[in-house]
Protein backbone atom coordinates (compact mmCIF):
# COMPACT_ATOMS: atom_id res chain seq x y z
CA MET A 1 4.41 -1.50 -1.92
CA ALA A 2 0.74 -0.18 -3.24
CA ALA A 3 -0.49 3.38 -4.66
CA SER A 4 -3.53 4.44 -6.46
CA GLY A 5 -4.99 7.61 -7.97
CA LEU A 6 -1.09 8.93 -9.44
CA ASN A 7 -2.99 10.04 -12.92
CA ALA A 8 -5.28 12.18 -14.43
CA SER A 9 -6.92 8.72 -15.76
CA THR A 10 -7.31 6.34 -11.74
CA TYR A 11 -6.78 10.04 -9.34
CA ASP A 12 -10.82 10.60 -8.28
CA ARG A 13 -10.76 14.25 -6.92
CA GLU A 14 -14.46 13.97 -5.82
CA GLY A 15 -15.57 11.18 -5.05
CA ARG A 16 -11.69 9.89 -3.67
CA SER A 17 -12.93 6.18 -5.03
CA HIS A 18 -8.87 5.18 -5.60
CA ILE A 19 -8.45 5.33 -1.68
CA ALA A 20 -11.36 3.13 -1.08
CA ALA A 21 -10.21 0.70 -4.22
CA LEU A 22 -6.57 1.26 -2.21
CA ALA A 23 -8.41 -0.20 1.24
CA ASP A 24 -10.47 -2.52 -0.91
CA TYR A 25 -7.24 -3.86 -2.02
CA ALA A 26 -5.49 -3.83 1.91
CA MET A 27 -8.34 -6.02 2.44
CA HIS A 28 -7.91 -8.63 0.71
CA LEU A 29 -5.05 -9.23 1.29
CA MET A 30 -4.86 -9.60 4.52
CA GLU A 31 -8.21 -12.02 3.63
CA GLN A 32 -6.22 -14.22 1.26
CA MET A 33 -2.88 -13.98 3.76
CA LYS A 34 -5.52 -15.87 5.99
CA TYR A 35 -6.73 -18.26 3.34
CA ILE A 36 -2.19 -19.32 2.78
CA ASN A 37 -1.87 -20.05 6.21
CA GLU A 38 -5.06 -22.08 6.70
CA HIS A 39 -4.32 -24.03 3.72
CA SER A 40 0.09 -24.38 4.10
CA PHE A 41 -0.27 -25.04 7.35
CA ASN A 42 2.53 -21.43 7.85
CA ASN A 43 1.78 -18.88 9.66
CA PHE A 44 2.08 -15.50 7.74
CA GLN A 45 1.53 -12.55 9.45
CA MET A 46 1.35 -8.82 7.55
CA LYS A 47 1.61 -5.30 8.69
CA ILE A 48 -0.74 -2.41 6.56
CA GLY A 49 -0.47 0.77 6.73
CA LEU A 50 -3.01 3.63 4.17
CA ASN A 51 -1.67 6.91 4.37
CA MET A 52 -2.86 10.02 1.95
CA GLY A 53 -1.09 12.93 0.02
CA PRO A 54 1.20 14.14 -2.40
CA VAL A 55 4.33 11.70 -4.28
CA VAL A 56 7.51 12.01 -6.55
CA ALA A 57 7.40 9.72 -8.83
CA GLY A 58 10.21 8.70 -11.40
CA VAL A 59 12.37 5.45 -12.83
CA ILE A 60 15.48 5.65 -11.11
CA GLY A 61 18.68 3.53 -11.98
CA ALA A 62 21.34 3.47 -14.96
CA ARG A 63 21.73 -0.05 -15.59
CA LYS A 64 18.13 -1.36 -14.34
CA PRO A 65 15.32 1.40 -14.25
CA GLN A 66 12.91 0.99 -11.67
CA TYR A 67 9.67 3.30 -11.37
CA ASP A 68 9.65 4.70 -7.33
CA ILE A 69 7.95 6.98 -5.26
CA TRP A 70 9.01 8.95 -2.93
CA GLY A 71 7.94 12.09 -0.46
CA ASN A 72 6.05 12.17 3.17
CA THR A 73 3.57 10.57 2.46
CA VAL A 74 6.07 7.32 1.71
CA ASN A 75 7.82 7.55 4.63
CA VAL A 76 4.92 7.80 7.07
CA SER A 77 3.07 4.97 5.39
CA SER A 78 6.44 2.70 6.18
CA ARG A 79 7.02 3.65 8.83
CA MET A 80 3.40 2.93 10.20
CA ASP A 81 3.99 -0.61 8.07
CA SER A 82 7.32 -1.43 10.13
CA THR A 83 5.41 -0.04 14.03
CA GLY A 84 1.98 -1.39 13.16
CA VAL A 85 0.26 -4.47 15.06
CA PRO A 86 0.49 -7.86 12.89
CA ASP A 87 -2.90 -8.37 10.78
CA ARG A 88 -4.54 -5.34 11.33
CA ILE A 89 -4.90 -1.94 8.99
CA GLN A 90 -2.72 1.22 10.14
CA VAL A 91 -4.56 3.64 8.75
CA SER A 92 -3.19 7.72 9.29
């Protein structure tokens, strides 16, 4: 899971460049997966779902704290990933 624009220094309300950066990242991941498959004789496949909207973020866990994000935006993106077509990027 990757997120973009979570704080004031990376969130671009006007130009929405943080969304373009995330889409760029997704496309580079797909290119890298193709390179890995060509050079390792594997056939790994990746599904990516991109969604935009509000999230809640925070640290959970007392023994092993982890930063996580929650919300409908995350759930929709996760569902797009799990039901998506391999080697494709779904956008809501």
